[in-house]
């Protein structure tokens, strides 16, 4: 059993309040959860208007499966016009 962790550092350029940021982040988290069946949470920068750090985890039998899902998630985030991906880190335990 392998556990994969993906940490996404995001910039939300059009956010001018925490309420606007939370709306964007909640929508993104829900899309990731529903499409890829992973665990998703905002893990840092909760009080910053235009920054967010999202942690995503999943369990699988093979590293290849985890990497494929995380690449699809990264592509989904890159295609989301309301956020900019600053950094993505993958760790497999």
N, C-alpha and C. Protein backbone atom coordinates (compact mmCIF):
# COMPACT_ATOMS: atom_id res chain seq x y z
N UNK A 1 0.84 -1.18 0.00
CA UNK A 1 0.00 0.00 0.00
C UNK A 1 0.88 1.24 0.00
N UNK A 2 0.57 2.17 -0.90
CA UNK A 2 1.31 3.42 -1.00
C UNK A 2 0.36 4.59 -0.75
N UNK A 3 0.89 5.62 -0.11
CA UNK A 3 0.13 6.85 0.12
C UNK A 3 0.81 7.97 -0.66
N UNK A 4 0.03 8.65 -1.47
CA UNK A 4 0.55 9.77 -2.25
C UNK A 4 0.06 11.08 -1.69
N UNK A 5 0.96 12.06 -1.61
CA UNK A 5 0.62 13.40 -1.15
C UNK A 5 0.98 14.41 -2.23
N UNK A 6 0.05 15.26 -2.56
CA UNK A 6 0.27 16.33 -3.53
C UNK A 6 -0.04 17.65 -2.83
N UNK A 7 0.92 18.56 -2.83
CA UNK A 7 0.73 19.87 -2.23
C UNK A 7 0.78 20.92 -3.33
N UNK A 8 -0.31 21.66 -3.47
CA UNK A 8 -0.43 22.69 -4.50
C UNK A 8 -0.38 24.06 -3.86
N UNK A 9 0.55 24.88 -4.30
CA UNK A 9 0.65 26.27 -3.85
C UNK A 9 -0.02 27.12 -4.92
N UNK A 10 -1.09 27.81 -4.54
CA UNK A 10 -1.93 28.51 -5.50
C UNK A 10 -1.98 30.01 -5.25
N UNK A 11 -2.15 30.75 -6.33
CA UNK A 11 -2.37 32.20 -6.28
C UNK A 11 -3.75 32.45 -6.88
N UNK A 12 -4.55 33.26 -6.19
CA UNK A 12 -5.89 33.61 -6.66
C UNK A 12 -5.89 35.11 -6.95
N UNK A 13 -5.54 35.52 -8.18
CA UNK A 13 -5.29 36.92 -8.47
C UNK A 13 -6.52 37.83 -8.37
N UNK A 14 -7.70 37.32 -8.62
CA UNK A 14 -8.89 38.16 -8.63
C UNK A 14 -9.59 38.22 -7.28
N UNK A 15 -9.04 37.55 -6.28
CA UNK A 15 -9.67 37.55 -4.96
C UNK A 15 -9.35 38.87 -4.23
N UNK A 16 -10.41 39.51 -3.72
CA UNK A 16 -10.21 40.74 -2.96
C UNK A 16 -10.72 40.63 -1.53
N UNK A 17 -11.06 39.40 -1.12
CA UNK A 17 -11.49 39.16 0.26
C UNK A 17 -11.34 37.67 0.56
N UNK A 18 -11.40 37.34 1.85
CA UNK A 18 -11.34 35.93 2.22
C UNK A 18 -12.58 35.18 1.74
N UNK A 19 -13.71 35.87 1.72
CA UNK A 19 -14.94 35.24 1.24
C UNK A 19 -14.83 34.86 -0.24
N UNK A 20 -14.27 35.74 -1.06
CA UNK A 20 -14.09 35.45 -2.48
C UNK A 20 -13.09 34.30 -2.67
N UNK A 21 -12.04 34.30 -1.87
CA UNK A 21 -11.04 33.23 -1.95
C UNK A 21 -11.66 31.88 -1.59
N UNK A 22 -12.42 31.86 -0.50
CA UNK A 22 -13.02 30.61 -0.05
C UNK A 22 -13.99 30.03 -1.07
N UNK A 23 -14.70 30.90 -1.78
CA UNK A 23 -15.61 30.45 -2.83
C UNK A 23 -14.85 29.73 -3.94
N UNK A 24 -13.74 30.32 -4.38
CA UNK A 24 -12.91 29.72 -5.43
C UNK A 24 -12.30 28.41 -4.96
N UNK A 25 -11.74 28.40 -3.75
CA UNK A 25 -11.06 27.21 -3.22
C UNK A 25 -12.06 26.09 -2.97
N UNK A 26 -13.23 26.40 -2.42
CA UNK A 26 -14.24 25.37 -2.18
C UNK A 26 -14.67 24.72 -3.49
N UNK A 27 -14.87 25.52 -4.51
CA UNK A 27 -15.25 24.99 -5.82
C UNK A 27 -14.17 24.06 -6.37
N UNK A 28 -12.92 24.49 -6.28
CA UNK A 28 -11.81 23.67 -6.77
C UNK A 28 -11.69 22.37 -5.97
N UNK A 29 -11.77 22.46 -4.65
CA UNK A 29 -11.68 21.26 -3.81
C UNK A 29 -12.80 20.28 -4.13
N UNK A 30 -14.00 20.77 -4.31
CA UNK A 30 -15.14 19.90 -4.61
C UNK A 30 -14.96 19.20 -5.96
N UNK A 31 -14.47 19.93 -6.96
CA UNK A 31 -14.23 19.31 -8.28
C UNK A 31 -13.19 18.21 -8.18
N UNK A 32 -12.10 18.46 -7.44
CA UNK A 32 -11.05 17.45 -7.29
C UNK A 32 -11.58 16.23 -6.56
N UNK A 33 -12.29 16.43 -5.45
CA UNK A 33 -12.85 15.31 -4.67
C UNK A 33 -13.79 14.46 -5.52
N UNK A 34 -14.70 15.12 -6.22
CA UNK A 34 -15.72 14.39 -6.99
C UNK A 34 -15.14 13.68 -8.20
N UNK A 35 -14.19 14.29 -8.88
CA UNK A 35 -13.66 13.70 -10.11
C UNK A 35 -12.62 12.60 -9.84
N UNK A 36 -11.81 12.76 -8.80
CA UNK A 36 -10.68 11.84 -8.59
C UNK A 36 -10.78 11.00 -7.32
N UNK A 37 -11.83 11.19 -6.51
CA UNK A 37 -12.02 10.42 -5.28
C UNK A 37 -10.79 10.46 -4.37
N UNK A 38 -10.32 11.67 -4.08
CA UNK A 38 -9.17 11.87 -3.22
C UNK A 38 -9.59 12.70 -2.00
N UNK A 39 -8.73 12.75 -1.01
CA UNK A 39 -8.95 13.63 0.14
C UNK A 39 -8.28 14.96 -0.15
N UNK A 40 -9.00 16.06 0.10
CA UNK A 40 -8.51 17.40 -0.23
C UNK A 40 -8.78 18.33 0.95
N UNK A 41 -7.78 19.15 1.29
CA UNK A 41 -7.95 20.14 2.35
C UNK A 41 -7.03 21.33 2.11
N UNK A 42 -7.48 22.50 2.55
CA UNK A 42 -6.61 23.67 2.53
C UNK A 42 -5.73 23.56 3.77
N UNK A 43 -4.42 23.51 3.57
CA UNK A 43 -3.52 23.20 4.68
C UNK A 43 -2.66 24.37 5.14
N UNK A 44 -2.65 25.47 4.39
CA UNK A 44 -1.85 26.62 4.79
C UNK A 44 -2.38 27.88 4.10
N UNK A 45 -1.96 29.02 4.60
CA UNK A 45 -2.31 30.34 4.05
C UNK A 45 -3.81 30.60 4.09
N UNK A 46 -4.49 30.11 5.14
CA UNK A 46 -5.93 30.28 5.23
C UNK A 46 -6.34 31.74 5.39
N UNK A 47 -5.50 32.57 5.96
CA UNK A 47 -5.87 33.96 6.23
C UNK A 47 -5.33 34.95 5.19
N UNK A 48 -4.76 34.46 4.13
CA UNK A 48 -4.28 35.33 3.06
C UNK A 48 -5.31 35.38 1.95
N UNK A 49 -5.58 36.55 1.41
CA UNK A 49 -6.62 36.74 0.41
C UNK A 49 -6.31 36.07 -0.92
N UNK A 50 -5.07 36.12 -1.36
CA UNK A 50 -4.75 35.66 -2.70
C UNK A 50 -3.84 34.44 -2.76
N UNK A 51 -3.65 33.77 -1.64
CA UNK A 51 -2.80 32.57 -1.61
C UNK A 51 -3.56 31.43 -0.95
N UNK A 52 -3.23 30.23 -1.37
CA UNK A 52 -3.79 29.04 -0.75
C UNK A 52 -2.83 27.88 -0.98
N UNK A 53 -2.75 27.02 0.00
CA UNK A 53 -1.98 25.78 -0.14
C UNK A 53 -2.96 24.64 0.11
N UNK A 54 -3.10 23.79 -0.89
CA UNK A 54 -4.04 22.68 -0.82
C UNK A 54 -3.27 21.37 -0.77
N UNK A 55 -3.67 20.50 0.16
CA UNK A 55 -3.09 19.18 0.27
C UNK A 55 -4.06 18.13 -0.25
N UNK A 56 -3.56 17.21 -1.05
CA UNK A 56 -4.37 16.16 -1.64
C UNK A 56 -3.69 14.82 -1.35
N UNK A 57 -4.46 13.85 -0.90
CA UNK A 57 -3.86 12.55 -0.62
C UNK A 57 -4.71 11.44 -1.22
N UNK A 58 -4.02 10.35 -1.54
CA UNK A 58 -4.71 9.16 -2.05
C UNK A 58 -3.89 7.92 -1.74
N UNK A 59 -4.56 6.79 -1.74
CA UNK A 59 -3.93 5.50 -1.48
C UNK A 59 -4.08 4.64 -2.73
N UNK A 60 -3.01 3.93 -3.09
CA UNK A 60 -3.05 3.03 -4.24
C UNK A 60 -2.01 1.92 -4.06
N UNK A 61 -2.06 0.95 -4.96
CA UNK A 61 -1.11 -0.16 -4.91
C UNK A 61 0.17 0.11 -5.68
N UNK A 62 0.11 1.06 -6.63
CA UNK A 62 1.27 1.32 -7.48
C UNK A 62 1.57 2.81 -7.54
N UNK A 63 2.84 3.14 -7.59
CA UNK A 63 3.29 4.52 -7.72
C UNK A 63 2.77 5.14 -9.01
N UNK A 64 2.74 4.37 -10.07
CA UNK A 64 2.30 4.85 -11.38
C UNK A 64 0.88 5.39 -11.32
N UNK A 65 0.01 4.71 -10.61
CA UNK A 65 -1.39 5.14 -10.51
C UNK A 65 -1.48 6.49 -9.80
N UNK A 66 -0.75 6.62 -8.71
CA UNK A 66 -0.75 7.88 -7.96
C UNK A 66 -0.22 9.01 -8.83
N UNK A 67 0.87 8.76 -9.52
CA UNK A 67 1.45 9.81 -10.37
C UNK A 67 0.50 10.21 -11.50
N UNK A 68 -0.22 9.27 -12.07
CA UNK A 68 -1.17 9.58 -13.15
C UNK A 68 -2.31 10.45 -12.63
N UNK A 69 -2.86 10.09 -11.49
CA UNK A 69 -3.97 10.87 -10.91
C UNK A 69 -3.49 12.26 -10.55
N UNK A 70 -2.32 12.37 -9.94
CA UNK A 70 -1.80 13.69 -9.55
C UNK A 70 -1.51 14.56 -10.77
N UNK A 71 -1.07 13.96 -11.86
CA UNK A 71 -0.83 14.73 -13.08
C UNK A 71 -2.16 15.24 -13.65
N UNK A 72 -3.19 14.42 -13.59
CA UNK A 72 -4.52 14.86 -14.05
C UNK A 72 -5.05 16.00 -13.17
N UNK A 73 -4.81 15.92 -11.87
CA UNK A 73 -5.23 16.99 -10.96
C UNK A 73 -4.47 18.26 -11.28
N UNK A 74 -3.18 18.15 -11.51
CA UNK A 74 -2.37 19.32 -11.86
C UNK A 74 -2.89 19.97 -13.15
N UNK A 75 -3.24 19.16 -14.13
CA UNK A 75 -3.79 19.69 -15.38
C UNK A 75 -5.13 20.38 -15.15
N UNK A 76 -5.97 19.81 -14.29
CA UNK A 76 -7.25 20.43 -13.96
C UNK A 76 -7.04 21.80 -13.34
N UNK A 77 -6.07 21.90 -12.43
CA UNK A 77 -5.78 23.18 -11.78
C UNK A 77 -5.23 24.18 -12.80
N UNK A 78 -4.36 23.73 -13.69
CA UNK A 78 -3.82 24.62 -14.72
C UNK A 78 -4.90 25.13 -15.66
N UNK A 79 -5.95 24.34 -15.87
CA UNK A 79 -7.05 24.75 -16.74
C UNK A 79 -8.08 25.62 -16.04
N UNK A 80 -7.95 25.78 -14.73
CA UNK A 80 -8.87 26.61 -13.96
C UNK A 80 -8.42 28.06 -14.06
N UNK A 81 -9.27 28.91 -14.63
CA UNK A 81 -8.87 30.29 -14.91
C UNK A 81 -8.82 31.18 -13.68
N UNK A 82 -9.49 30.79 -12.60
CA UNK A 82 -9.54 31.64 -11.41
C UNK A 82 -8.33 31.45 -10.49
N UNK A 83 -7.49 30.44 -10.75
CA UNK A 83 -6.29 30.21 -9.92
C UNK A 83 -5.06 30.04 -10.80
N UNK A 84 -3.91 30.37 -10.21
CA UNK A 84 -2.62 30.15 -10.87
C UNK A 84 -1.81 29.20 -10.00
N UNK A 85 -1.23 28.19 -10.63
CA UNK A 85 -0.41 27.22 -9.91
C UNK A 85 1.00 27.78 -9.75
N UNK A 86 1.43 27.98 -8.51
CA UNK A 86 2.77 28.46 -8.23
C UNK A 86 3.74 27.30 -8.14
N UNK A 87 3.35 26.25 -7.41
CA UNK A 87 4.23 25.11 -7.19
C UNK A 87 3.39 23.87 -6.91
N UNK A 88 3.91 22.72 -7.29
CA UNK A 88 3.27 21.44 -6.99
C UNK A 88 4.34 20.46 -6.52
N UNK A 89 4.13 19.88 -5.36
CA UNK A 89 5.09 18.92 -4.81
C UNK A 89 4.40 17.58 -4.58
N UNK A 90 5.06 16.53 -5.01
CA UNK A 90 4.52 15.18 -4.85
C UNK A 90 5.43 14.41 -3.91
N UNK A 91 4.81 13.67 -2.99
CA UNK A 91 5.55 12.80 -2.08
C UNK A 91 4.80 11.48 -2.01
N UNK A 92 5.54 10.38 -2.11
CA UNK A 92 4.92 9.06 -2.02
C UNK A 92 5.55 8.33 -0.85
N UNK A 93 4.70 7.87 0.05
CA UNK A 93 5.14 7.20 1.28
C UNK A 93 4.86 5.72 1.20
